[in-house]
Amino acid sequence: MSKHCSNPGGMTRPILLVTASVDKILLKKPIRVDADLSLVGAVTWVGRSSMEMQLEVLQPPQDGSQMSNSVALVANFTFVARDSETGKSSPINHISPETTQEKLLWEQAEARNKMRKMKRAEQNKEKDKDVSRIDKLLAEGRVFVDLPALADRDSILIRDTCQQSSMICQPQQRNVHGRIFGGYLMRKASELAFSTAYTFAGASPRFVEVDHVDFVKPVDVGNFLRMKSCVLYTELQNPARPLINVEVVAHVTCPELRISEVSNKFYFTFTVRPEARTNGLKIRSVFPETEEEARRVVERMDAEHQHDN
């Protein structure tokens, strides 16, 4: 990315590249520990001051088949350029896709960018349309509150799946800008999400994908960071591959000022190992108790549906 933002003389302009979001991290096949990995990254789309980069993790197939089957993981990152002195957006170099593959990646990134803008513009309009879906979810959850003895034993409330962790951010985790490295935050969120799915399912979960990560606010050294997680909803249409969708929200908390602000939002998807399903493991449905929870479920379902399309 720094190379892309350099001027023709090879000197990088005084800009900061900040991670805006991780659009998706998809595990295409299990990664083995007995073979080398290769990382391949490229800028696939550029706006005025933002860019999208695609990263692939490659590992040769164990059976020695074609290298076209070597992609083990794909991730899409969005970065924004900021002037290092003013903090304002800074223009960056454009790119010109040439090959068929480059043009395809550009079109896919362009479509994602348009979808994000459209989603922001229509967010308020969609709230009215979601009322019936929210009411339906709340009706299911209300049984657990008002008539717990009659509630479905194959279902559970979101609140009963919650986990939490907290930490003081240490200088060892700084990035080049002196802030806490986003990759470290993603790792801690991933660990909490895994633990949440583990305690919910009752069996070791298997990672499927990171659906989305929002970097809302930077995290500084010394910050008191709290992470809260829950199973937001499950997808049980395919009994052979039930999906567990976990939300992790990170808060920078300042007890002296009685302030707690959201710094990051992470969304993970897990399934369970085949042997667990063979032994009769059954994944439960999850329902919200409050309107705020129901709205989060609906918004996440819609976002995932748009991603798949």
C-alpha atoms as a PDB file:
ATOM      1  CA  MET A   1       0.000   0.000   0.000  1.00  0.00           C
ATOM      2  CA  SER A   2       2.813   2.390   0.841  1.00  0.00           C
ATOM      3  CA  LYS A   3       4.363   1.506  -2.518  1.00  0.00           C
ATOM      4  CA  HIS A   4       1.111   2.349  -4.278  1.00  0.00           C
ATOM      5  CA  CYS A   5       0.903   5.718  -2.495  1.00  0.00           C
ATOM      6  CA  SER A   6       4.474   6.700  -3.407  1.00  0.00           C
ATOM      7  CA  ASN A   7       5.142   9.465  -5.915  1.00  0.00           C
ATOM      8  CA  PRO A   8       7.074   8.795  -9.160  1.00  0.00           C
ATOM      9  CA  GLY A   9      10.330   9.650  -7.396  1.00  0.00           C
ATOM     10  CA  GLY A  10       9.824   6.754  -5.016  1.00  0.00           C
ATOM     11  CA  MET A  11       9.316   8.890  -1.906  1.00  0.00           C
ATOM     12  CA  THR A  12       6.162   8.299   0.078  1.00  0.00           C
ATOM     13  CA  ARG A  13       3.981  11.324   0.660  1.00  0.00           C
ATOM     14  CA  PRO A  14       3.395  12.275   4.309  1.00  0.00           C
ATOM     15  CA  ILE A  15       0.157  10.331   4.660  1.00  0.00           C
ATOM     16  CA  LEU A  16      -1.209   7.821   7.127  1.00  0.00           C
ATOM     17  CA  LEU A  17      -2.945   4.687   5.888  1.00  0.00           C
ATOM     18  CA  VAL A  18      -5.699   3.741   8.319  1.00  0.00           C
ATOM     19  CA  THR A  19      -7.684   0.505   8.268  1.00  0.00           C
ATOM     20  CA  ALA A  20     -11.335   1.444   7.757  1.00  0.00           C
ATOM     21  CA  SER A  21     -12.793  -2.056   7.659  1.00  0.00           C
ATOM     22  CA  VAL A  22     -12.227  -5.693   6.868  1.00  0.00           C
ATOM     23  CA  ASP A  23     -14.992  -6.645   4.467  1.00  0.00           C
ATOM     24  CA  LYS A  24     -14.525 -10.398   4.673  1.00  0.00           C
ATOM     25  CA  ILE A  25     -11.992 -13.071   5.556  1.00  0.00           C
ATOM     26  CA  LEU A  26     -12.997 -16.393   4.024  1.00  0.00           C
ATOM     27  CA  LEU A  27     -11.307 -19.695   4.820  1.00  0.00           C
ATOM     28  CA  LYS A  28     -11.574 -21.752   1.631  1.00  0.00           C
ATOM     29  CA  LYS A  29      -9.886 -24.883   2.942  1.00  0.00           C
ATOM     30  CA  PRO A  30      -8.120 -26.013   6.126  1.00  0.00           C
ATOM     31  CA  ILE A  31      -4.593 -24.640   6.539  1.00  0.00           C
ATOM     32  CA  ARG A  32      -1.986 -27.302   7.300  1.00  0.00           C
ATOM     33  CA  VAL A  33       0.856 -26.721   9.747  1.00  0.00           C
ATOM     34  CA  ASP A  34       3.318 -28.958   7.887  1.00  0.00           C
ATOM     35  CA  ALA A  35       3.603 -26.873   4.696  1.00  0.00           C
ATOM     36  CA  ASP A  36       4.810 -23.363   3.908  1.00  0.00           C
ATOM     37  CA  LEU A  37       2.412 -20.482   3.295  1.00  0.00           C
ATOM     38  CA  SER A  38       2.709 -17.677   0.764  1.00  0.00           C
ATOM     39  CA  LEU A  39       1.009 -14.297   1.124  1.00  0.00           C
ATOM     40  CA  VAL A  40      -0.013 -12.430  -2.027  1.00  0.00           C
ATOM     41  CA  GLY A  41      -1.549  -8.960  -1.843  1.00  0.00           C
ATOM     42  CA  ALA A  42      -2.605  -6.350  -4.374  1.00  0.00           C
ATOM     43  CA  VAL A  43      -4.513  -3.081  -4.488  1.00  0.00           C
ATOM     44  CA  THR A  44      -7.697  -3.962  -6.383  1.00  0.00           C
ATOM     45  CA  TRP A  45      -9.680  -0.708  -6.227  1.00  0.00           C
ATOM     46  CA  VAL A  46      -8.936   2.968  -5.554  1.00  0.00           C
ATOM     47  CA  GLY A  47     -11.233   5.895  -4.862  1.00  0.00           C
ATOM     48  CA  ARG A  48     -10.186   9.465  -4.158  1.00  0.00           C
ATOM     49  CA  SER A  49      -8.709   8.789  -0.719  1.00  0.00           C
ATOM     50  CA  SER A  50      -9.627   5.164  -0.066  1.00  0.00           C
ATOM     51  CA  MET A  51      -8.450   1.869  -1.469  1.00  0.00           C
ATOM     52  CA  GLU A  52      -9.332  -1.784  -1.253  1.00  0.00           C
ATOM     53  CA  MET A  53      -6.701  -4.481  -1.013  1.00  0.00           C
ATOM     54  CA  GLN A  54      -7.139  -8.214  -1.491  1.00  0.00           C
ATOM     55  CA  LEU A  55      -4.884 -10.623   0.344  1.00  0.00           C
ATOM     56  CA  GLU A  56      -4.587 -14.323  -0.473  1.00  0.00           C
ATOM     57  CA  VAL A  57      -2.932 -17.010   1.624  1.00  0.00           C
ATOM     58  CA  LEU A  58      -1.563 -19.755  -0.625  1.00  0.00           C
ATOM     59  CA  GLN A  59      -0.608 -23.286   0.346  1.00  0.00           C
ATOM     60  CA  PRO A  60       0.209 -26.050  -2.172  1.00  0.00           C
ATOM     61  CA  PRO A  61      -2.367 -28.874  -2.217  1.00  0.00           C
ATOM     62  CA  GLN A  62      -1.307 -31.964  -0.295  1.00  0.00           C
ATOM     63  CA  ASP A  63      -2.038 -34.218  -3.276  1.00  0.00           C
ATOM     64  CA  GLY A  64       0.231 -32.203  -5.567  1.00  0.00           C
ATOM     65  CA  SER A  65      -2.617 -31.057  -7.828  1.00  0.00           C
ATOM     66  CA  GLN A  66      -2.697 -27.768  -9.729  1.00  0.00           C
ATOM     67  CA  MET A  67      -1.664 -24.564  -7.972  1.00  0.00           C
ATOM     68  CA  SER A  68      -5.053 -23.084  -8.909  1.00  0.00           C
ATOM     69  CA  ASN A  69      -6.339 -25.002  -5.883  1.00  0.00           C
ATOM     70  CA  SER A  70      -3.715 -23.482  -3.588  1.00  0.00           C
ATOM     71  CA  VAL A  71      -5.749 -20.514  -2.267  1.00  0.00           C
ATOM     72  CA  ALA A  72      -6.517 -21.302   1.368  1.00  0.00           C
ATOM     73  CA  LEU A  73      -7.800 -17.922   2.573  1.00  0.00           C
ATOM     74  CA  VAL A  74      -8.994 -14.681   0.965  1.00  0.00           C
ATOM     75  CA  ALA A  75      -9.381 -11.341   2.741  1.00  0.00           C
ATOM     76  CA  ASN A  76     -10.538  -7.901   1.583  1.00  0.00           C
ATOM     77  CA  PHE A  77      -9.385  -4.788   3.457  1.00  0.00           C
ATOM     78  CA  THR A  78     -10.451  -1.164   3.017  1.00  0.00           C
ATOM     79  CA  PHE A  79      -7.961   1.581   3.895  1.00  0.00           C
ATOM     80  CA  VAL A  80      -8.288   5.358   3.931  1.00  0.00           C
ATOM     81  CA  ALA A  81      -5.449   7.853   3.443  1.00  0.00           C
ATOM     82  CA  ARG A  82      -5.055  10.718   5.916  1.00  0.00           C
ATOM     83  CA  ASP A  83      -2.688  13.675   5.837  1.00  0.00           C
ATOM     84  CA  SER A  84      -0.166  13.077   8.626  1.00  0.00           C
ATOM     85  CA  GLU A  85      -0.298  16.702   9.759  1.00  0.00           C
ATOM     86  CA  THR A  86      -3.937  17.749   9.332  1.00  0.00           C
ATOM     87  CA  GLY A  87      -5.647  14.369   9.690  1.00  0.00           C
ATOM     88  CA  LYS A  88      -7.836  15.173   6.671  1.00  0.00           C
ATOM     89  CA  SER A  89      -8.398  12.817   3.749  1.00  0.00           C
ATOM     90  CA  SER A  90      -5.547  12.738   1.260  1.00  0.00           C
ATOM     91  CA  PRO A  91      -5.817  11.864  -2.457  1.00  0.00           C
ATOM     92  CA  ILE A  92      -3.935   8.774  -3.624  1.00  0.00           C
ATOM     93  CA  ASN A  93      -2.784   7.344  -6.948  1.00  0.00           C
ATOM     94  CA  HIS A  94      -5.335   5.680  -9.197  1.00  0.00           C
ATOM     95  CA  ILE A  95      -4.926   2.262 -10.760  1.00  0.00           C
ATOM     96  CA  SER A  96      -5.802   0.979 -14.211  1.00  0.00           C
ATOM     97  CA  PRO A  97      -6.846  -2.691 -14.300  1.00  0.00           C
ATOM     98  CA  GLU A  98      -5.488  -4.428 -17.388  1.00  0.00           C
ATOM     99  CA  THR A  99      -5.972  -8.193 -17.222  1.00  0.00           C
ATOM    100  CA  THR A 100      -9.322  -9.974 -17.086  1.00  0.00           C
ATOM    101  CA  GLN A 101      -8.690 -10.955 -13.461  1.00  0.00           C
ATOM    102  CA  GLU A 102      -7.760  -7.397 -12.467  1.00  0.00           C
ATOM    103  CA  LYS A 103     -10.906  -6.040 -14.124  1.00  0.00           C
ATOM    104  CA  LEU A 104     -13.031  -8.642 -12.321  1.00  0.00           C
ATOM    105  CA  LEU A 105     -11.522  -7.724  -8.939  1.00  0.00           C
ATOM    106  CA  TRP A 106     -12.072  -4.026  -9.689  1.00  0.00           C
ATOM    107  CA  GLU A 107     -15.736  -4.612 -10.570  1.00  0.00           C
ATOM    108  CA  GLN A 108     -16.306  -6.661  -7.418  1.00  0.00           C
ATOM    109  CA  ALA A 109     -14.690  -3.986  -5.248  1.00  0.00           C
ATOM    110  CA  GLU A 110     -16.635  -1.234  -7.010  1.00  0.00           C
ATOM    111  CA  ALA A 111     -19.870  -3.120  -6.356  1.00  0.00           C
ATOM    112  CA  ARG A 112     -19.001  -3.458  -2.651  1.00  0.00           C
ATOM    113  CA  ASN A 113     -18.219   0.249  -2.410  1.00  0.00           C
ATOM    114  CA  LYS A 114     -21.532   1.190  -4.040  1.00  0.00           C
ATOM    115  CA  MET A 115     -23.346  -1.214  -1.725  1.00  0.00           C
ATOM    116  CA  ARG A 116     -21.804   0.451   1.337  1.00  0.00           C
ATOM    117  CA  LYS A 117     -22.872   3.910   0.149  1.00  0.00           C
ATOM    118  CA  MET A 118     -26.362   2.684  -0.717  1.00  0.00           C
ATOM    119  CA  LYS A 119     -26.693   1.023   2.670  1.00  0.00           C
ATOM    120  CA  ARG A 120     -25.781   4.246   4.488  1.00  0.00           C
ATOM    121  CA  ALA A 121     -28.244   6.244   2.385  1.00  0.00           C
ATOM    122  CA  GLU A 122     -31.123   3.806   2.901  1.00  0.00           C
ATOM    123  CA  GLN A 123     -30.464   2.944   6.534  1.00  0.00           C
ATOM    124  CA  ASN A 124     -33.244   5.128   7.910  1.00  0.00           C
ATOM    125  CA  LYS A 125     -35.749   4.050   5.243  1.00  0.00           C
ATOM    126  CA  GLU A 126     -35.174   0.372   5.971  1.00  0.00           C
ATOM    127  CA  LYS A 127     -35.973   0.775   9.668  1.00  0.00           C
ATOM    128  CA  ASP A 128     -39.697   1.067   8.945  1.00  0.00           C
ATOM    129  CA  LYS A 129     -39.672  -1.998   6.672  1.00  0.00           C
ATOM    130  CA  ASP A 130     -37.990  -4.113   9.353  1.00  0.00           C
ATOM    131  CA  VAL A 131     -40.730  -3.631  11.962  1.00  0.00           C
ATOM    132  CA  SER A 132     -42.603  -6.844  11.136  1.00  0.00           C
ATOM    133  CA  ARG A 133     -39.417  -8.942  11.170  1.00  0.00           C
ATOM    134  CA  ILE A 134     -38.372  -7.414  14.483  1.00  0.00           C
ATOM    135  CA  ASP A 135     -41.803  -8.060  15.990  1.00  0.00           C
ATOM    136  CA  LYS A 136     -41.660 -11.699  14.895  1.00  0.00           C
ATOM    137  CA  LEU A 137     -38.259 -12.200  16.517  1.00  0.00           C
ATOM    138  CA  LEU A 138     -39.394 -10.482  19.718  1.00  0.00           C
ATOM    139  CA  ALA A 139     -42.525 -12.644  19.891  1.00  0.00           C
ATOM    140  CA  GLU A 140     -40.333 -15.750  19.987  1.00  0.00           C
ATOM    141  CA  GLY A 141     -38.072 -14.259  22.635  1.00  0.00           C
ATOM    142  CA  ARG A 142     -40.962 -13.037  24.775  1.00  0.00           C
ATOM    143  CA  VAL A 143     -41.988 -16.627  25.509  1.00  0.00           C
ATOM    144  CA  PHE A 144     -38.696 -17.151  27.367  1.00  0.00           C
ATOM    145  CA  VAL A 145     -39.405 -14.122  29.556  1.00  0.00           C
ATOM    146  CA  ASP A 146     -43.147 -14.494  30.183  1.00  0.00           C
ATOM    147  CA  LEU A 147     -43.608 -18.275  29.930  1.00  0.00           C
ATOM    148  CA  PRO A 148     -40.184 -19.858  30.534  1.00  0.00           C
ATOM    149  CA  ALA A 149     -41.640 -23.285  31.392  1.00  0.00           C
ATOM    150  CA  LEU A 150     -43.242 -23.432  27.934  1.00  0.00           C
ATOM    151  CA  ALA A 151     -40.257 -22.122  25.982  1.00  0.00           C
ATOM    152  CA  ASP A 152     -38.718 -24.209  23.224  1.00  0.00           C
ATOM    153  CA  ARG A 153     -35.864 -26.263  24.693  1.00  0.00           C
ATOM    154  CA  ASP A 154     -34.076 -26.115  21.334  1.00  0.00           C
ATOM    155  CA  SER A 155     -33.818 -22.314  21.562  1.00  0.00           C
ATOM    156  CA  ILE A 156     -32.066 -19.801  23.802  1.00  0.00           C
ATOM    157  CA  LEU A 157     -31.977 -16.037  24.371  1.00  0.00           C
ATOM    158  CA  ILE A 158     -29.085 -13.946  23.059  1.00  0.00           C
ATOM    159  CA  ARG A 159     -28.315 -12.712  26.583  1.00  0.00           C
ATOM    160  CA  ASP A 160     -27.621 -16.284  27.720  1.00  0.00           C
ATOM    161  CA  THR A 161     -24.839 -16.696  25.140  1.00  0.00           C
ATOM    162  CA  CYS A 162     -22.832 -13.607  26.158  1.00  0.00           C
ATOM    163  CA  GLN A 163     -19.156 -13.608  27.134  1.00  0.00           C
ATOM    164  CA  GLN A 164     -16.821 -10.747  28.070  1.00  0.00           C
ATOM    165  CA  SER A 165     -13.115  -9.982  28.388  1.00  0.00           C
ATOM    166  CA  SER A 166     -11.106  -6.908  29.356  1.00  0.00           C
ATOM    167  CA  MET A 167      -7.502  -5.764  29.044  1.00  0.00           C
ATOM    168  CA  ILE A 168      -5.156  -2.822  29.435  1.00  0.00           C
ATOM    169  CA  CYS A 169      -3.528  -2.153  26.047  1.00  0.00           C
ATOM    170  CA  GLN A 170       0.260  -2.480  26.238  1.00  0.00           C
ATOM    171  CA  PRO A 171       2.956  -0.675  24.172  1.00  0.00           C
ATOM    172  CA  GLN A 172       4.195  -3.999  22.738  1.00  0.00           C
ATOM    173  CA  GLN A 173       1.083  -4.026  20.530  1.00  0.00           C
ATOM    174  CA  ARG A 174       1.695  -0.625  18.900  1.00  0.00           C
ATOM    175  CA  ASN A 175       1.616  -0.129  15.148  1.00  0.00           C
ATOM    176  CA  VAL A 176       3.823   2.310  13.209  1.00  0.00           C
ATOM    177  CA  HIS A 177       1.474   5.167  14.165  1.00  0.00           C
ATOM    178  CA  GLY A 178       1.739   4.502  17.904  1.00  0.00           C
ATOM    179  CA  ARG A 179      -1.804   3.120  18.152  1.00  0.00           C
ATOM    180  CA  ILE A 180      -2.799  -0.448  19.042  1.00  0.00           C
ATOM    181  CA  PHE A 181      -2.371  -2.672  15.981  1.00  0.00           C
ATOM    182  CA  GLY A 182      -5.692  -3.635  14.408  1.00  0.00           C
ATOM    183  CA  GLY A 183      -4.500  -7.187  13.815  1.00  0.00           C
ATOM    184  CA  TYR A 184      -3.976  -7.632  17.552  1.00  0.00           C
ATOM    185  CA  LEU A 185      -7.527  -6.461  18.241  1.00  0.00           C
ATOM    186  CA  MET A 186      -8.825  -8.882  15.615  1.00  0.00           C
ATOM    187  CA  ARG A 187      -6.916 -11.736  17.251  1.00  0.00           C
ATOM    188  CA  LYS A 188      -8.336 -10.982  20.706  1.00  0.00           C
ATOM    189  CA  ALA A 189     -11.834 -10.672  19.235  1.00  0.00           C
ATOM    190  CA  SER A 190     -11.359 -13.963  17.382  1.00  0.00           C
ATOM    191  CA  GLU A 191     -10.338 -15.723  20.596  1.00  0.00           C
ATOM    192  CA  LEU A 192     -13.406 -14.397  22.420  1.00  0.00           C
ATOM    193  CA  ALA A 193     -15.694 -15.293  19.496  1.00  0.00           C
ATOM    194  CA  PHE A 194     -14.280 -18.829  19.423  1.00  0.00           C
ATOM    195  CA  SER A 195     -14.856 -19.194  23.182  1.00  0.00           C
ATOM    196  CA  THR A 196     -18.404 -17.894  22.793  1.00  0.00           C
ATOM    197  CA  ALA A 197     -19.216 -20.363  20.018  1.00  0.00           C
ATOM    198  CA  TYR A 198     -17.527 -23.153  22.010  1.00  0.00           C
ATOM    199  CA  THR A 199     -19.598 -22.640  25.162  1.00  0.00           C
ATOM    200  CA  PHE A 200     -22.760 -22.193  23.089  1.00  0.00           C
ATOM    201  CA  ALA A 201     -22.390 -25.300  20.929  1.00  0.00           C
ATOM    202  CA  GLY A 202     -20.865 -27.585  23.529  1.00  0.00           C
ATOM    203  CA  ALA A 203     -18.298 -28.753  20.987  1.00  0.00           C
ATOM    204  CA  SER A 204     -15.168 -27.303  19.430  1.00  0.00           C
ATOM    205  CA  PRO A 205     -16.235 -24.875  16.681  1.00  0.00           C
ATOM    206  CA  ARG A 206     -14.658 -24.659  13.252  1.00  0.00           C
ATOM    207  CA  PHE A 207     -13.918 -21.228  11.775  1.00  0.00           C
ATOM    208  CA  VAL A 208     -15.768 -20.394   8.540  1.00  0.00           C
ATOM    209  CA  GLU A 209     -15.248 -16.680   7.960  1.00  0.00           C
ATOM    210  CA  VAL A 210     -14.907 -13.192   9.361  1.00  0.00           C
ATOM    211  CA  ASP A 211     -18.009 -11.513   7.980  1.00  0.00           C
ATOM    212  CA  HIS A 212     -17.071  -7.913   8.683  1.00  0.00           C
ATOM    213  CA  VAL A 213     -14.890  -5.755  10.929  1.00  0.00           C
ATOM    214  CA  ASP A 214     -15.490  -2.044  11.552  1.00  0.00           C
ATOM    215  CA  PHE A 215     -12.687   0.158  12.881  1.00  0.00           C
ATOM    216  CA  VAL A 216     -14.788   2.932  14.403  1.00  0.00           C
ATOM    217  CA  LYS A 217     -12.297   4.559  16.767  1.00  0.00           C
ATOM    218  CA  PRO A 218      -8.536   4.132  17.285  1.00  0.00           C
ATOM    219  CA  VAL A 219      -7.321   2.361  20.413  1.00  0.00           C
ATOM    220  CA  ASP A 220      -4.357   3.923  22.218  1.00  0.00           C
ATOM    221  CA  VAL A 221      -1.661   2.473  24.454  1.00  0.00           C
ATOM    222  CA  GLY A 222      -2.915   2.388  28.041  1.00  0.00           C
ATOM    223  CA  ASN A 223      -6.597   2.267  27.081  1.00  0.00           C
ATOM    224  CA  PHE A 224      -8.913   0.054  29.120  1.00  0.00           C
ATOM    225  CA  LEU A 225     -10.508  -2.133  26.442  1.00  0.00           C
ATOM    226  CA  ARG A 226     -13.557  -4.296  27.055  1.00  0.00           C
ATOM    227  CA  MET A 227     -14.860  -6.830  24.550  1.00  0.00           C
ATOM    228  CA  LYS A 228     -18.398  -8.176  24.724  1.00  0.00           C
ATOM    229  CA  SER A 229     -19.598 -11.064  22.602  1.00  0.00           C
ATOM    230  CA  CYS A 230     -22.782 -12.977  21.908  1.00  0.00           C
ATOM    231  CA  VAL A 231     -24.272 -15.453  19.474  1.00  0.00           C
ATOM    232  CA  LEU A 232     -26.415 -13.148  17.364  1.00  0.00           C
ATOM    233  CA  TYR A 233     -28.232 -15.841  15.378  1.00  0.00           C
ATOM    234  CA  THR A 234     -27.800 -19.326  13.953  1.00  0.00           C
ATOM    235  CA  GLU A 235     -28.497 -20.726  10.493  1.00  0.00           C
ATOM    236  CA  LEU A 236     -29.865 -24.264  10.669  1.00  0.00           C
ATOM    237  CA  GLN A 237     -31.295 -24.747   7.172  1.00  0.00           C
ATOM    238  CA  ASN A 238     -28.477 -27.143   6.307  1.00  0.00           C
ATOM    239  CA  PRO A 239     -28.292 -29.788   9.091  1.00  0.00           C
ATOM    240  CA  ALA A 240     -24.933 -30.980   7.764  1.00  0.00           C
ATOM    241  CA  ARG A 241     -23.392 -27.534   8.240  1.00  0.00           C
ATOM    242  CA  PRO A 242     -25.125 -25.409  10.891  1.00  0.00           C
ATOM    243  CA  LEU A 243     -23.721 -21.884  11.152  1.00  0.00           C
ATOM    244  CA  ILE A 244     -23.155 -19.894  14.343  1.00  0.00           C
ATOM    245  CA  ASN A 245     -22.930 -16.117  13.873  1.00  0.00           C
ATOM    246  CA  VAL A 246     -21.042 -14.349  16.660  1.00  0.00           C
ATOM    247  CA  GLU A 247     -20.842 -10.603  17.284  1.00  0.00           C
ATOM    248  CA  VAL A 248     -17.962  -9.038  19.239  1.00  0.00           C
ATOM    249  CA  VAL A 249     -18.068  -5.345  20.176  1.00  0.00           C
ATOM    250  CA  ALA A 250     -14.988  -3.624  21.635  1.00  0.00           C
ATOM    251  CA  HIS A 251     -15.383  -0.610  23.943  1.00  0.00           C
ATOM    252  CA  VAL A 252     -12.709   1.858  25.041  1.00  0.00           C
ATOM    253  CA  THR A 253     -13.693   2.616  28.629  1.00  0.00           C
ATOM    254  CA  CYS A 254     -12.586   5.526  30.810  1.00  0.00           C
ATOM    255  CA  PRO A 255     -13.927   5.028  34.371  1.00  0.00           C
ATOM    256  CA  GLU A 256     -12.687   8.467  35.520  1.00  0.00           C
ATOM    257  CA  LEU A 257     -14.886  10.212  32.958  1.00  0.00           C
ATOM    258  CA  ARG A 258     -17.625   7.547  33.039  1.00  0.00           C
ATOM    259  CA  ILE A 259     -17.272   7.117  29.271  1.00  0.00           C
ATOM    260  CA  SER A 260     -17.423   3.945  27.202  1.00  0.00           C
ATOM    261  CA  GLU A 261     -17.140   4.270  23.417  1.00  0.00           C
ATOM    262  CA  VAL A 262     -17.328   1.614  20.710  1.00  0.00           C
ATOM    263  CA  SER A 263     -13.971   1.204  18.972  1.00  0.00           C
ATOM    264  CA  ASN A 264     -14.558  -1.911  16.876  1.00  0.00           C
ATOM    265  CA  LYS A 265     -17.263  -4.311  15.746  1.00  0.00           C
ATOM    266  CA  PHE A 266     -16.420  -7.833  14.624  1.00  0.00           C
ATOM    267  CA  TYR A 267     -18.652 -10.482  13.065  1.00  0.00           C
ATOM    268  CA  PHE A 268     -17.569 -14.129  12.865  1.00  0.00           C
ATOM    269  CA  THR A 269     -19.158 -17.286  11.501  1.00  0.00           C
ATOM    270  CA  PHE A 270     -18.408 -20.762  12.853  1.00  0.00           C
ATOM    271  CA  THR A 271     -19.697 -24.257  12.293  1.00  0.00           C
ATOM    272  CA  VAL A 272     -19.019 -27.463  14.258  1.00  0.00           C
ATOM    273  CA  ARG A 273     -16.832 -30.398  13.362  1.00  0.00           C
ATOM    274  CA  PRO A 274     -18.488 -33.277  11.430  1.00  0.00           C
ATOM    275  CA  GLU A 275     -17.770 -35.808  14.194  1.00  0.00           C
ATOM    276  CA  ALA A 276     -19.771 -33.697  16.663  1.00  0.00           C
ATOM    277  CA  ARG A 277     -22.819 -33.764  14.388  1.00  0.00           C
ATOM    278  CA  THR A 278     -22.392 -37.514  13.907  1.00  0.00           C
ATOM    279  CA  ASN A 279     -22.565 -37.938  17.691  1.00  0.00           C
ATOM    280  CA  GLY A 280     -25.963 -36.229  17.787  1.00  0.00           C
ATOM    281  CA  LEU A 281     -24.972 -32.644  18.630  1.00  0.00           C
ATOM    282  CA  LYS A 282     -27.813 -30.209  17.933  1.00  0.00           C
ATOM    283  CA  ILE A 283     -27.297 -26.463  17.543  1.00  0.00           C
ATOM    284  CA  ARG A 284     -29.997 -24.313  19.104  1.00  0.00           C
ATOM    285  CA  SER A 285     -31.827 -21.336  17.639  1.00  0.00           C
ATOM    286  CA  VAL A 286     -31.152 -17.937  19.233  1.00  0.00           C
ATOM    287  CA  PHE A 287     -33.721 -15.193  19.816  1.00  0.00           C
ATOM    288  CA  PRO A 288     -33.521 -11.557  20.981  1.00  0.00           C
ATOM    289  CA  GLU A 289     -35.187 -10.244  24.098  1.00  0.00           C
ATOM    290  CA  THR A 290     -35.084  -6.500  23.363  1.00  0.00           C
ATOM    291  CA  GLU A 291     -35.865  -4.397  20.307  1.00  0.00           C
ATOM    292  CA  GLU A 292     -32.235  -3.262  20.133  1.00  0.00           C
ATOM    293  CA  GLU A 293     -31.068  -6.888  19.955  1.00  0.00           C
ATOM    294  CA  ALA A 294     -33.680  -7.719  17.321  1.00  0.00           C
ATOM    295  CA  ARG A 295     -32.602  -4.783  15.177  1.00  0.00           C
ATOM    296  CA  ARG A 296     -28.976  -5.899  15.338  1.00  0.00           C
ATOM    297  CA  VAL A 297     -29.996  -9.380  14.210  1.00  0.00           C
ATOM    298  CA  VAL A 298     -32.007  -8.059  11.256  1.00  0.00           C
ATOM    299  CA  GLU A 299     -29.269  -5.640  10.178  1.00  0.00           C
ATOM    300  CA  ARG A 300     -26.624  -8.367  10.323  1.00  0.00           C
ATOM    301  CA  MET A 301     -28.778 -10.839   8.385  1.00  0.00           C
ATOM    302  CA  ASP A 302     -29.387  -8.239   5.672  1.00  0.00           C
ATOM    303  CA  ALA A 303     -25.692  -7.323   5.476  1.00  0.00           C
ATOM    304  CA  GLU A 304     -24.706 -10.971   5.097  1.00  0.00           C
ATOM    305  CA  HIS A 305     -27.371 -11.507   2.433  1.00  0.00           C
ATOM    306  CA  GLN A 306     -26.039  -8.523   0.459  1.00  0.00           C
ATOM    307  CA  HIS A 307     -22.491  -9.896   0.758  1.00  0.00           C
ATOM    308  CA  ASP A 308     -23.575 -13.271  -0.629  1.00  0.00           C
ATOM    309  CA  ASN A 309     -25.269 -11.602  -3.573  1.00  0.00           C
END
